[in-house]
Full PDB file with SEQRES, HELIX, SHEET, SSBOND, CRYST1, ORIGX, SCALE, CONECT and MASTER records, all heavy atoms in Angstrom:
SEQRES   1 A   42  ASN PRO ASP LEU PRO VAL MET THR ILE THR ASN GLU PHE          
SEQRES   2 A   42  LEU ASP THR SER GLU GLY THR LEU PHE ILE SER ARG SER          
SEQRES   3 A   42  GLU PHE PRO ASN GLU GLU ALA LEU GLN GLN VAL VAL GLU          
SEQRES   4 A   42  MET GLY ALA                                                  
HELIX    1 AA1 GLU A   31  GLU A   39  1                                   9    
SHEET    1 AA1 2 THR A   8  THR A  16  0                                        
SHEET    2 AA1 2 GLY A  19  GLU A  27 -1                                        
CRYST1    1.000    1.000    1.000  90.00  90.00  90.00 P 1           1          
ORIGX1      1.000000  0.000000  0.000000        0.00000                         
ORIGX2      0.000000  1.000000  0.000000        0.00000                         
ORIGX3      0.000000  0.000000  1.000000        0.00000                         
SCALE1      1.000000  0.000000  0.000000        0.00000                         
SCALE2      0.000000  1.000000  0.000000        0.00000                         
SCALE3      0.000000  0.000000  1.000000        0.00000                         
ATOM      1  N   ASN A   1      -4.091 -35.438  56.640  1.00  0.00           N  
ATOM      2  CA  ASN A   1      -2.834 -36.108  56.338  1.00  0.00           C  
ATOM      3  C   ASN A   1      -1.847 -35.803  57.467  1.00  0.00           C  
ATOM      4  O   ASN A   1      -1.385 -34.666  57.588  1.00  0.00           O  
ATOM      5  CB  ASN A   1      -2.288 -35.622  54.997  1.00  0.00           C  
ATOM      6  CG  ASN A   1      -1.038 -36.345  54.579  1.00  0.00           C  
ATOM      7  OD1 ASN A   1      -0.304 -36.880  55.398  1.00  0.00           O  
ATOM      8  ND2 ASN A   1      -0.774 -36.342  53.286  1.00  0.00           N  
ATOM      9  N   PRO A   2      -1.490 -36.813  58.278  1.00  0.00           N  
ATOM     10  CA  PRO A   2      -0.605 -36.551  59.423  1.00  0.00           C  
ATOM     11  C   PRO A   2       0.839 -36.253  59.026  1.00  0.00           C  
ATOM     12  O   PRO A   2       1.632 -35.806  59.861  1.00  0.00           O  
ATOM     13  CB  PRO A   2      -0.691 -37.850  60.228  1.00  0.00           C  
ATOM     14  CG  PRO A   2      -1.033 -38.892  59.209  1.00  0.00           C  
ATOM     15  CD  PRO A   2      -1.891 -38.203  58.181  1.00  0.00           C  
ATOM     16  N   ASP A   3       1.197 -36.478  57.753  1.00  0.00           N  
ATOM     17  CA  ASP A   3       2.562 -36.231  57.299  1.00  0.00           C  
ATOM     18  C   ASP A   3       2.791 -34.789  56.859  1.00  0.00           C  
ATOM     19  O   ASP A   3       3.919 -34.410  56.546  1.00  0.00           O  
ATOM     20  CB  ASP A   3       2.904 -37.163  56.137  1.00  0.00           C  
ATOM     21  CG  ASP A   3       2.865 -38.623  56.553  1.00  0.00           C  
ATOM     22  OD1 ASP A   3       3.232 -38.930  57.714  1.00  0.00           O  
ATOM     23  OD2 ASP A   3       2.456 -39.461  55.724  1.00  0.00           O  
ATOM     24  N   LEU A   4       1.719 -34.007  56.830  1.00  0.00           N  
ATOM     25  CA  LEU A   4       1.823 -32.612  56.399  1.00  0.00           C  
ATOM     26  C   LEU A   4       1.447 -31.683  57.551  1.00  0.00           C  
ATOM     27  O   LEU A   4       0.608 -32.026  58.386  1.00  0.00           O  
ATOM     28  CB  LEU A   4       0.921 -32.364  55.186  1.00  0.00           C  
ATOM     29  CG  LEU A   4       1.312 -33.152  53.930  1.00  0.00           C  
ATOM     30  CD1 LEU A   4       0.277 -32.960  52.837  1.00  0.00           C  
ATOM     31  CD2 LEU A   4       2.691 -32.742  53.448  1.00  0.00           C  
ATOM     32  N   PRO A   5       2.067 -30.499  57.596  1.00  0.00           N  
ATOM     33  CA  PRO A   5       1.845 -29.598  58.737  1.00  0.00           C  
ATOM     34  C   PRO A   5       0.447 -28.984  58.765  1.00  0.00           C  
ATOM     35  O   PRO A   5      -0.195 -28.797  57.736  1.00  0.00           O  
ATOM     36  CB  PRO A   5       2.902 -28.515  58.547  1.00  0.00           C  
ATOM     37  CG  PRO A   5       3.312 -28.586  57.129  1.00  0.00           C  
ATOM     38  CD  PRO A   5       3.049 -29.974  56.653  1.00  0.00           C  
ATOM     39  N   VAL A   6       0.021 -28.698  59.979  1.00  0.00           N  
ATOM     40  CA  VAL A   6      -1.206 -27.935  60.210  1.00  0.00           C  
ATOM     41  C   VAL A   6      -0.774 -26.503  60.490  1.00  0.00           C  
ATOM     42  O   VAL A   6       0.157 -26.274  61.259  1.00  0.00           O  
ATOM     43  CB  VAL A   6      -1.998 -28.503  61.406  1.00  0.00           C  
ATOM     44  CG1 VAL A   6      -3.212 -27.642  61.707  1.00  0.00           C  
ATOM     45  CG2 VAL A   6      -2.394 -29.953  61.136  1.00  0.00           C  
ATOM     46  N   MET A   7      -1.436 -25.549  59.846  1.00  0.00           N  
ATOM     47  CA  MET A   7      -1.084 -24.150  60.054  1.00  0.00           C  
ATOM     48  C   MET A   7      -2.262 -23.408  60.671  1.00  0.00           C  
ATOM     49  O   MET A   7      -3.404 -23.830  60.547  1.00  0.00           O  
ATOM     50  CB  MET A   7      -0.639 -23.503  58.751  1.00  0.00           C  
ATOM     51  CG  MET A   7      -1.647 -23.572  57.631  1.00  0.00           C  
ATOM     52  SD  MET A   7      -0.890 -23.332  56.023  1.00  0.00           S  
ATOM     53  CE  MET A   7      -1.057 -24.978  55.370  1.00  0.00           C  
ATOM     54  N   THR A   8      -1.957 -22.324  61.334  1.00  0.00           N  
ATOM     55  CA  THR A   8      -3.002 -21.449  61.871  1.00  0.00           C  
ATOM     56  C   THR A   8      -3.039 -20.209  60.989  1.00  0.00           C  
ATOM     57  O   THR A   8      -2.018 -19.555  60.779  1.00  0.00           O  
ATOM     58  CB  THR A   8      -2.707 -21.055  63.334  1.00  0.00           C  
ATOM     59  OG1 THR A   8      -2.624 -22.252  64.115  1.00  0.00           O  
ATOM     60  CG2 THR A   8      -3.801 -20.150  63.879  1.00  0.00           C  
ATOM     61  N   ILE A   9      -4.219 -19.919  60.470  1.00  0.00           N  
ATOM     62  CA  ILE A   9      -4.412 -18.794  59.558  1.00  0.00           C  
ATOM     63  C   ILE A   9      -5.190 -17.706  60.287  1.00  0.00           C  
ATOM     64  O   ILE A   9      -6.213 -17.981  60.921  1.00  0.00           O  
ATOM     65  CB  ILE A   9      -5.213 -19.209  58.304  1.00  0.00           C  
ATOM     66  CG1 ILE A   9      -4.645 -20.474  57.674  1.00  0.00           C  
ATOM     67  CG2 ILE A   9      -5.336 -18.055  57.326  1.00  0.00           C  
ATOM     68  CD1 ILE A   9      -3.308 -20.333  57.050  1.00  0.00           C  
ATOM     69  N   THR A  10      -4.719 -16.474  60.183  1.00  0.00           N  
ATOM     70  CA  THR A  10      -5.442 -15.313  60.705  1.00  0.00           C  
ATOM     71  C   THR A  10      -5.718 -14.376  59.540  1.00  0.00           C  
ATOM     72  O   THR A  10      -4.785 -13.920  58.875  1.00  0.00           O  
ATOM     73  CB  THR A  10      -4.624 -14.574  61.782  1.00  0.00           C  
ATOM     74  OG1 THR A  10      -4.327 -15.486  62.847  1.00  0.00           O  
ATOM     75  CG2 THR A  10      -5.390 -13.377  62.331  1.00  0.00           C  
ATOM     76  N   ASN A  11      -6.979 -14.138  59.266  1.00  0.00           N  
ATOM     77  CA  ASN A  11      -7.394 -13.195  58.234  1.00  0.00           C  
ATOM     78  C   ASN A  11      -8.023 -11.987  58.901  1.00  0.00           C  
ATOM     79  O   ASN A  11      -8.936 -12.134  59.712  1.00  0.00           O  
ATOM     80  CB  ASN A  11      -8.397 -13.826  57.267  1.00  0.00           C  
ATOM     81  CG  ASN A  11      -7.772 -14.881  56.387  1.00  0.00           C  
ATOM     82  OD1 ASN A  11      -6.604 -14.788  56.051  1.00  0.00           O  
ATOM     83  ND2 ASN A  11      -8.535 -15.882  56.011  1.00  0.00           N  
ATOM     84  N   GLU A  12      -7.525 -10.803  58.557  1.00  0.00           N  
ATOM     85  CA  GLU A  12      -8.063  -9.560  59.106  1.00  0.00           C  
ATOM     86  C   GLU A  12      -8.600  -8.700  57.972  1.00  0.00           C  
ATOM     87  O   GLU A  12      -8.045  -8.687  56.875  1.00  0.00           O  
ATOM     88  CB  GLU A  12      -6.984  -8.803  59.865  1.00  0.00           C  
ATOM     89  CG  GLU A  12      -6.496  -9.542  61.096  1.00  0.00           C  
ATOM     90  CD  GLU A  12      -5.439  -8.760  61.835  1.00  0.00           C  
ATOM     91  OE1 GLU A  12      -4.248  -8.900  61.476  1.00  0.00           O  
ATOM     92  OE2 GLU A  12      -5.815  -8.003  62.745  1.00  0.00           O  
ATOM     93  N   PHE A  13      -9.664  -7.991  58.265  1.00  0.00           N  
ATOM     94  CA  PHE A  13     -10.305  -7.103  57.306  1.00  0.00           C  
ATOM     95  C   PHE A  13     -10.365  -5.715  57.943  1.00  0.00           C  
ATOM     96  O   PHE A  13     -11.067  -5.519  58.931  1.00  0.00           O  
ATOM     97  CB  PHE A  13     -11.715  -7.607  56.979  1.00  0.00           C  
ATOM     98  CG  PHE A  13     -11.722  -9.048  56.536  1.00  0.00           C  
ATOM     99  CD1 PHE A  13     -11.824 -10.076  57.461  1.00  0.00           C  
ATOM    100  CD2 PHE A  13     -11.610  -9.363  55.197  1.00  0.00           C  
ATOM    101  CE1 PHE A  13     -11.813 -11.410  57.053  1.00  0.00           C  
ATOM    102  CE2 PHE A  13     -11.606 -10.688  54.774  1.00  0.00           C  
ATOM    103  CZ  PHE A  13     -11.705 -11.716  55.707  1.00  0.00           C  
ATOM    104  N   LEU A  14      -9.591  -4.774  57.389  1.00  0.00           N  
ATOM    105  CA  LEU A  14      -9.480  -3.446  57.976  1.00  0.00           C  
ATOM    106  C   LEU A  14     -10.082  -2.405  57.047  1.00  0.00           C  
ATOM    107  O   LEU A  14      -9.783  -2.380  55.850  1.00  0.00           O  
ATOM    108  CB  LEU A  14      -8.008  -3.110  58.235  1.00  0.00           C  
ATOM    109  CG  LEU A  14      -7.218  -4.116  59.083  1.00  0.00           C  
ATOM    110  CD1 LEU A  14      -5.748  -3.733  59.137  1.00  0.00           C  
ATOM    111  CD2 LEU A  14      -7.804  -4.218  60.466  1.00  0.00           C  
ATOM    112  N   ASP A  15     -10.922  -1.555  57.593  1.00  0.00           N  
ATOM    113  CA  ASP A  15     -11.493  -0.455  56.813  1.00  0.00           C  
ATOM    114  C   ASP A  15     -10.423   0.596  56.563  1.00  0.00           C  
ATOM    115  O   ASP A  15      -9.690   0.985  57.478  1.00  0.00           O  
ATOM    116  CB  ASP A  15     -12.662   0.192  57.562  1.00  0.00           C  
ATOM    117  CG  ASP A  15     -13.893  -0.684  57.596  1.00  0.00           C  
ATOM    118  OD1 ASP A  15     -14.093  -1.459  56.642  1.00  0.00           O  
ATOM    119  OD2 ASP A  15     -14.657  -0.596  58.576  1.00  0.00           O  
ATOM    120  N   THR A  16     -10.329   1.042  55.316  1.00  0.00           N  
ATOM    121  CA  THR A  16      -9.423   2.124  54.959  1.00  0.00           C  
ATOM    122  C   THR A  16     -10.206   3.124  54.116  1.00  0.00           C  
ATOM    123  O   THR A  16     -11.338   2.847  53.705  1.00  0.00           O  
ATOM    124  CB  THR A  16      -8.207   1.627  54.140  1.00  0.00           C  
ATOM    125  OG1 THR A  16      -8.647   1.252  52.841  1.00  0.00           O  
ATOM    126  CG2 THR A  16      -7.512   0.462  54.822  1.00  0.00           C  
ATOM    127  N   SER A  17      -9.602   4.244  53.836  1.00  0.00           N  
ATOM    128  CA  SER A  17     -10.281   5.254  53.021  1.00  0.00           C  
ATOM    129  C   SER A  17     -10.502   4.769  51.591  1.00  0.00           C  
ATOM    130  O   SER A  17     -11.375   5.270  50.888  1.00  0.00           O  
ATOM    131  CB  SER A  17      -9.471   6.553  53.009  1.00  0.00           C  
ATOM    132  OG  SER A  17      -8.186   6.327  52.463  1.00  0.00           O  
ATOM    133  N   GLU A  18      -9.719   3.767  51.156  1.00  0.00           N  
ATOM    134  CA  GLU A  18      -9.840   3.249  49.793  1.00  0.00           C  
ATOM    135  C   GLU A  18     -10.677   1.982  49.703  1.00  0.00           C  
ATOM    136  O   GLU A  18     -10.878   1.441  48.624  1.00  0.00           O  
ATOM    137  CB  GLU A  18      -8.450   2.987  49.217  1.00  0.00           C  
ATOM    138  CG  GLU A  18      -7.622   4.245  49.101  1.00  0.00           C  
ATOM    139  CD  GLU A  18      -6.220   3.972  48.597  1.00  0.00           C  
ATOM    140  OE1 GLU A  18      -5.976   2.865  48.068  1.00  0.00           O  
ATOM    141  OE2 GLU A  18      -5.379   4.859  48.730  1.00  0.00           O  
ATOM    142  N   GLY A  19     -11.139   1.474  50.839  1.00  0.00           N  
ATOM    143  CA  GLY A  19     -11.928   0.234  50.850  1.00  0.00           C  
ATOM    144  C   GLY A  19     -11.478  -0.653  51.991  1.00  0.00           C  
ATOM    145  O   GLY A  19     -11.118  -0.166  53.056  1.00  0.00           O  
ATOM    146  N   THR A  20     -11.472  -1.940  51.759  1.00  0.00           N  
ATOM    147  CA  THR A  20     -11.089  -2.901  52.792  1.00  0.00           C  
ATOM    148  C   THR A  20      -9.700  -3.449  52.509  1.00  0.00           C  
ATOM    149  O   THR A  20      -9.410  -3.903  51.409  1.00  0.00           O  
ATOM    150  CB  THR A  20     -12.098  -4.069  52.845  1.00  0.00           C  
ATOM    151  OG1 THR A  20     -13.395  -3.551  53.114  1.00  0.00           O  
ATOM    152  CG2 THR A  20     -11.724  -5.070  53.923  1.00  0.00           C  
ATOM    153  N   LEU A  21      -8.845  -3.404  53.520  1.00  0.00           N  
ATOM    154  CA  LEU A  21      -7.516  -3.995  53.439  1.00  0.00           C  
ATOM    155  C   LEU A  21      -7.612  -5.401  54.013  1.00  0.00           C  
ATOM    156  O   LEU A  21      -8.080  -5.596  55.136  1.00  0.00           O  
ATOM    157  CB  LEU A  21      -6.510  -3.159  54.233  1.00  0.00           C  
ATOM    158  CG  LEU A  21      -5.096  -3.733  54.336  1.00  0.00           C  
ATOM    159  CD1 LEU A  21      -4.445  -3.819  52.958  1.00  0.00           C  
ATOM    160  CD2 LEU A  21      -4.264  -2.885  55.285  1.00  0.00           C  
ATOM    161  N   PHE A  22      -7.187  -6.394  53.226  1.00  0.00           N  
ATOM    162  CA  PHE A  22      -7.202  -7.796  53.638  1.00  0.00           C  
ATOM    163  C   PHE A  22      -5.782  -8.202  54.006  1.00  0.00           C  
ATOM    164  O   PHE A  22      -4.861  -8.064  53.205  1.00  0.00           O  
ATOM    165  CB  PHE A  22      -7.729  -8.660  52.493  1.00  0.00           C  
ATOM    166  CG  PHE A  22      -7.606 -10.137  52.727  1.00  0.00           C  
ATOM    167  CD1 PHE A  22      -8.331 -10.752  53.733  1.00  0.00           C  
ATOM    168  CD2 PHE A  22      -6.780 -10.913  51.935  1.00  0.00           C  
ATOM    169  CE1 PHE A  22      -8.236 -12.115  53.947  1.00  0.00           C  
ATOM    170  CE2 PHE A  22      -6.678 -12.271  52.130  1.00  0.00           C  
ATOM    171  CZ  PHE A  22      -7.404 -12.880  53.139  1.00  0.00           C  
ATOM    172  N   ILE A  23      -5.601  -8.695  55.233  1.00  0.00           N  
ATOM    173  CA  ILE A  23      -4.301  -9.172  55.700  1.00  0.00           C  
ATOM    174  C   ILE A  23      -4.466 -10.627  56.102  1.00  0.00           C  
ATOM    175  O   ILE A  23      -5.340 -10.969  56.898  1.00  0.00           O  
ATOM    176  CB  ILE A  23      -3.798  -8.355  56.905  1.00  0.00           C  
ATOM    177  CG1 ILE A  23      -3.666  -6.880  56.538  1.00  0.00           C  
ATOM    178  CG2 ILE A  23      -2.471  -8.922  57.425  1.00  0.00           C  
ATOM    179  CD1 ILE A  23      -3.389  -5.976  57.719  1.00  0.00           C  
ATOM    180  N   SER A  24      -3.620 -11.481  55.545  1.00  0.00           N  
ATOM    181  CA  SER A  24      -3.664 -12.909  55.875  1.00  0.00           C  
ATOM    182  C   SER A  24      -2.295 -13.340  56.385  1.00  0.00           C  
ATOM    183  O   SER A  24      -1.282 -13.080  55.742  1.00  0.00           O  
ATOM    184  CB  SER A  24      -4.050 -13.728  54.638  1.00  0.00           C  
ATOM    185  OG  SER A  24      -4.170 -15.092  54.984  1.00  0.00           O  
ATOM    186  N   ARG A  25      -2.295 -13.997  57.557  1.00  0.00           N  
ATOM    187  CA  ARG A  25      -1.049 -14.490  58.143  1.00  0.00           C  
ATOM    188  C   ARG A  25      -1.171 -15.995  58.355  1.00  0.00           C  
ATOM    189  O   ARG A  25      -2.199 -16.474  58.827  1.00  0.00           O  
ATOM    190  CB  ARG A  25      -0.791 -13.829  59.492  1.00  0.00           C  
ATOM    191  CG  ARG A  25      -0.499 -12.356  59.415  1.00  0.00           C  
ATOM    192  CD  ARG A  25      -0.177 -11.787  60.800  1.00  0.00           C  
ATOM    193  NE  ARG A  25       0.109 -10.382  60.725  1.00  0.00           N  
ATOM    194  CZ  ARG A  25      -0.800  -9.421  60.805  1.00  0.00           C  
ATOM    195  NH1 ARG A  25      -2.072  -9.712  60.960  1.00  0.00           N  
ATOM    196  NH2 ARG A  25      -0.440  -8.155  60.724  1.00  0.00           N  
ATOM    197  N   SER A  26      -0.114 -16.702  58.028  1.00  0.00           N  
ATOM    198  CA  SER A  26      -0.062 -18.150  58.246  1.00  0.00           C  
ATOM    199  C   SER A  26       1.031 -18.447  59.258  1.00  0.00           C  
ATOM    200  O   SER A  26       2.167 -18.006  59.089  1.00  0.00           O  
ATOM    201  CB  SER A  26       0.248 -18.883  56.936  1.00  0.00           C  
ATOM    202  OG  SER A  26      -0.732 -18.608  55.961  1.00  0.00           O  
ATOM    203  N   GLU A  27       0.683 -19.197  60.292  1.00  0.00           N  
ATOM    204  CA  GLU A  27       1.653 -19.571  61.322  1.00  0.00           C  
ATOM    205  C   GLU A  27       1.868 -21.080  61.265  1.00  0.00           C  
ATOM    206  O   GLU A  27       0.921 -21.847  61.159  1.00  0.00           O  
ATOM    207  CB  GLU A  27       1.141 -19.188  62.707  1.00  0.00           C  
ATOM    208  CG  GLU A  27       0.960 -17.696  62.899  1.00  0.00           C  
ATOM    209  CD  GLU A  27       0.377 -17.379  64.264  1.00  0.00           C  
ATOM    210  OE1 GLU A  27       0.955 -17.813  65.275  1.00  0.00           O  
ATOM    211  OE2 GLU A  27      -0.660 -16.709  64.291  1.00  0.00           O  
ATOM    212  N   PHE A  28       3.130 -21.479  61.372  1.00  0.00           N  
ATOM    213  CA  PHE A  28       3.511 -22.875  61.310  1.00  0.00           C  
ATOM    214  C   PHE A  28       4.141 -23.297  62.625  1.00  0.00           C  
ATOM    215  O   PHE A  28       4.701 -22.468  63.339  1.00  0.00           O  
ATOM    216  CB  PHE A  28       4.495 -23.091  60.161  1.00  0.00           C  
ATOM    217  CG  PHE A  28       3.878 -22.812  58.815  1.00  0.00           C  
ATOM    218  CD1 PHE A  28       3.862 -21.526  58.299  1.00  0.00           C  
ATOM    219  CD2 PHE A  28       3.281 -23.821  58.095  1.00  0.00           C  
ATOM    220  CE1 PHE A  28       3.282 -21.254  57.070  1.00  0.00           C  
ATOM    221  CE2 PHE A  28       2.692 -23.565  56.872  1.00  0.00           C  
ATOM    222  CZ  PHE A  28       2.688 -22.284  56.359  1.00  0.00           C  
ATOM    223  N   PRO A  29       4.086 -24.587  62.941  1.00  0.00           N  
ATOM    224  CA  PRO A  29       4.648 -25.026  64.227  1.00  0.00           C  
ATOM    225  C   PRO A  29       6.160 -24.862  64.320  1.00  0.00           C  
ATOM    226  O   PRO A  29       6.703 -24.736  65.416  1.00  0.00           O  
ATOM    227  CB  PRO A  29       4.246 -26.502  64.318  1.00  0.00           C  
ATOM    228  CG  PRO A  29       3.864 -26.913  62.939  1.00  0.00           C  
ATOM    229  CD  PRO A  29       3.448 -25.665  62.214  1.00  0.00           C  
ATOM    230  N   ASN A  30       6.845 -24.858  63.156  1.00  0.00           N  
ATOM    231  CA  ASN A  30       8.294 -24.686  63.158  1.00  0.00           C  
ATOM    232  C   ASN A  30       8.755 -24.338  61.740  1.00  0.00           C  
ATOM    233  O   ASN A  30       7.973 -24.365  60.789  1.00  0.00           O  
ATOM    234  CB  ASN A  30       9.008 -25.945  63.682  1.00  0.00           C  
ATOM    235  CG  ASN A  30       8.573 -27.180  62.925  1.00  0.00           C  
ATOM    236  OD1 ASN A  30       8.565 -27.213  61.692  1.00  0.00           O  
ATOM    237  ND2 ASN A  30       8.197 -28.222  63.670  1.00  0.00           N  
ATOM    238  N   GLU A  31      10.033 -24.021  61.617  1.00  0.00           N  
ATOM    239  CA  GLU A  31      10.591 -23.612  60.324  1.00  0.00           C  
ATOM    240  C   GLU A  31      10.545 -24.748  59.295  1.00  0.00           C  
ATOM    241  O   GLU A  31      10.330 -24.521  58.111  1.00  0.00           O  
ATOM    242  CB  GLU A  31      12.023 -23.112  60.503  1.00  0.00           C  
ATOM    243  CG  GLU A  31      12.573 -22.467  59.258  1.00  0.00           C  
ATOM    244  CD  GLU A  31      13.919 -21.797  59.478  1.00  0.00           C  
ATOM    245  OE1 GLU A  31      14.223 -21.409  60.616  1.00  0.00           O  
ATOM    246  OE2 GLU A  31      14.653 -21.662  58.485  1.00  0.00           O  
ATOM    247  N   GLU A  32      10.732 -25.974  59.761  1.00  0.00           N  
ATOM    248  CA  GLU A  32      10.707 -27.118  58.848  1.00  0.00           C  
ATOM    249  C   GLU A  32       9.324 -27.271  58.208  1.00  0.00           C  
ATOM    250  O   GLU A  32       9.213 -27.574  57.011  1.00  0.00           O  
ATOM    251  CB  GLU A  32      11.094 -28.408  59.585  1.00  0.00           C  
ATOM    252  CG  GLU A  32      12.548 -28.459  60.017  1.00  0.00           C  
ATOM    253  CD  GLU A  32      12.827 -27.660  61.291  1.00  0.00           C  
ATOM    254  OE1 GLU A  32      11.888 -27.399  62.082  1.00  0.00           O  
ATOM    255  OE2 GLU A  32      14.003 -27.267  61.481  1.00  0.00           O  
ATOM    256  N   ALA A  33       8.269 -27.066  58.983  1.00  0.00           N  
ATOM    257  CA  ALA A  33       6.909 -27.159  58.457  1.00  0.00           C  
ATOM    258  C   ALA A  33       6.667 -26.075  57.414  1.00  0.00           C  
ATOM    259  O   ALA A  33       6.080 -26.332  56.357  1.00  0.00           O  
ATOM    260  CB  ALA A  33       5.890 -27.053  59.591  1.00  0.00           C  
ATOM    261  N   LEU A  34       7.139 -24.877  57.688  1.00  0.00           N  
ATOM    262  CA  LEU A  34       7.016 -23.783  56.723  1.00  0.00           C  
ATOM    263  C   LEU A  34       7.736 -24.136  55.431  1.00  0.00           C  
ATOM    264  O   LEU A  34       7.183 -23.995  54.336  1.00  0.00           O  
ATOM    265  CB  LEU A  34       7.585 -22.492  57.313  1.00  0.00           C  
ATOM    266  CG  LEU A  34       7.779 -21.327  56.345  1.00  0.00           C  
ATOM    267  CD1 LEU A  34       6.464 -20.903  55.712  1.00  0.00           C  
ATOM    268  CD2 LEU A  34       8.465 -20.169  57.048  1.00  0.00           C  
ATOM    269  N   GLN A  35       8.964 -24.622  55.535  1.00  0.00           N  
ATOM    270  CA  GLN A  35       9.742 -24.967  54.347  1.00  0.00           C  
ATOM    271  C   GLN A  35       9.061 -26.074  53.544  1.00  0.00           C  
ATOM    272  O   GLN A  35       9.038 -26.037  52.316  1.00  0.00           O  
ATOM    273  CB  GLN A  35      11.159 -25.390  54.747  1.00  0.00           C  
ATOM    274  CG  GLN A  35      12.089 -25.544  53.575  1.00  0.00           C  
ATOM    275  CD  GLN A  35      12.262 -24.249  52.793  1.00  0.00           C  
ATOM    276  OE1 GLN A  35      12.311 -23.165  53.348  1.00  0.00           O  
ATOM    277  NE2 GLN A  35      12.329 -24.364  51.484  1.00  0.00           N  
ATOM    278  N   GLN A  36       8.485 -27.040  54.231  1.00  0.00           N  
ATOM    279  CA  GLN A  36       7.784 -28.137  53.552  1.00  0.00           C  
ATOM    280  C   GLN A  36       6.633 -27.610  52.701  1.00  0.00           C  
ATOM    281  O   GLN A  36       6.468 -27.994  51.546  1.00  0.00           O  
ATOM    282  CB  GLN A  36       7.268 -29.143  54.586  1.00  0.00           C  
ATOM    283  CG  GLN A  36       6.594 -30.348  53.987  1.00  0.00           C  
ATOM    284  CD  GLN A  36       6.107 -31.323  55.053  1.00  0.00           C  
ATOM    285  OE1 GLN A  36       6.035 -31.001  56.241  1.00  0.00           O  
ATOM    286  NE2 GLN A  36       5.764 -32.518  54.623  1.00  0.00           N  
ATOM    287  N   VAL A  37       5.857 -26.695  53.256  1.00  0.00           N  
ATOM    288  CA  VAL A  37       4.710 -26.138  52.539  1.00  0.00           C  
ATOM    289  C   VAL A  37       5.171 -25.245  51.379  1.00  0.00           C  
ATOM    290  O   VAL A  37       4.592 -25.280  50.294  1.00  0.00           O  
ATOM    291  CB  VAL A  37       3.780 -25.387  53.521  1.00  0.00           C  
ATOM    292  CG1 VAL A  37       2.696 -24.636  52.803  1.00  0.00           C  
ATOM    293  CG2 VAL A  37       3.176 -26.367  54.514  1.00  0.00           C  
ATOM    294  N   VAL A  38       6.235 -24.484  51.592  1.00  0.00           N  
ATOM    295  CA  VAL A  38       6.778 -23.645  50.514  1.00  0.00           C  
ATOM    296  C   VAL A  38       7.232 -24.524  49.355  1.00  0.00           C  
ATOM    297  O   VAL A  38       6.946 -24.237  48.185  1.00  0.00           O  
ATOM    298  CB  VAL A  38       7.928 -22.756  51.033  1.00  0.00           C  
ATOM    299  CG1 VAL A  38       8.692 -22.115  49.889  1.00  0.00           C  
ATOM    300  CG2 VAL A  38       7.381 -21.690  51.981  1.00  0.00           C  
ATOM    301  N   GLU A  39       7.927 -25.614  49.654  1.00  0.00           N  
ATOM    302  CA  GLU A  39       8.410 -26.519  48.609  1.00  0.00           C  
ATOM    303  C   GLU A  39       7.266 -27.196  47.854  1.00  0.00           C  
ATOM    304  O   GLU A  39       7.431 -27.613  46.711  1.00  0.00           O  
ATOM    305  CB  GLU A  39       9.351 -27.560  49.206  1.00  0.00           C  
ATOM    306  CG  GLU A  39      10.678 -26.971  49.634  1.00  0.00           C  
ATOM    307  CD  GLU A  39      11.567 -27.931  50.394  1.00  0.00           C  
ATOM    308  OE1 GLU A  39      11.189 -29.118  50.568  1.00  0.00           O  
ATOM    309  OE2 GLU A  39      12.646 -27.486  50.843  1.00  0.00           O  
ATOM    310  N   MET A  40       6.109 -27.300  48.479  1.00  0.00           N  
ATOM    311  CA  MET A  40       4.932 -27.900  47.826  1.00  0.00           C  
ATOM    312  C   MET A  40       4.237 -26.912  46.889  1.00  0.00           C  
ATOM    313  O   MET A  40       3.286 -27.276  46.211  1.00  0.00           O  
ATOM    314  CB  MET A  40       3.935 -28.374  48.898  1.00  0.00           C  
ATOM    315  CG  MET A  40       4.423 -29.530  49.724  1.00  0.00           C  
ATOM    316  SD  MET A  40       3.345 -29.896  51.132  1.00  0.00           S  
ATOM    317  CE  MET A  40       1.755 -30.074  50.354  1.00  0.00           C  
ATOM    318  N   GLY A  41       4.681 -25.654  46.887  1.00  0.00           N  
ATOM    319  CA  GLY A  41       4.081 -24.663  45.997  1.00  0.00           C  
ATOM    320  C   GLY A  41       2.980 -23.830  46.632  1.00  0.00           C  
ATOM    321  O   GLY A  41       2.164 -23.232  45.938  1.00  0.00           O  
ATOM    322  N   ALA A  42       2.982 -23.738  47.955  1.00  0.00           N  
ATOM    323  CA  ALA A  42       1.926 -22.998  48.650  1.00  0.00           C  
ATOM    324  C   ALA A  42       1.908 -21.515  48.308  1.00  0.00           C  
ATOM    325  O   ALA A  42       0.836 -20.916  48.228  1.00  0.00           O  
ATOM    326  CB  ALA A  42       2.043 -23.187  50.156  1.00  0.00           C  
TER     327      ALA A  42                                                      
MASTER        0    0    0    1    2    0    0    6  326    1    0    4          
END                                                                             
């Protein structure tokens, strides 16, 4: 859908003493794209 933003997702899996820590980051092309996705219930 060209009317909705494309995001870049980075998922990291880090070993810790308690197990695996999962970190997920979402990057957007601009603040407006982020706000659009937030308003959609992301």
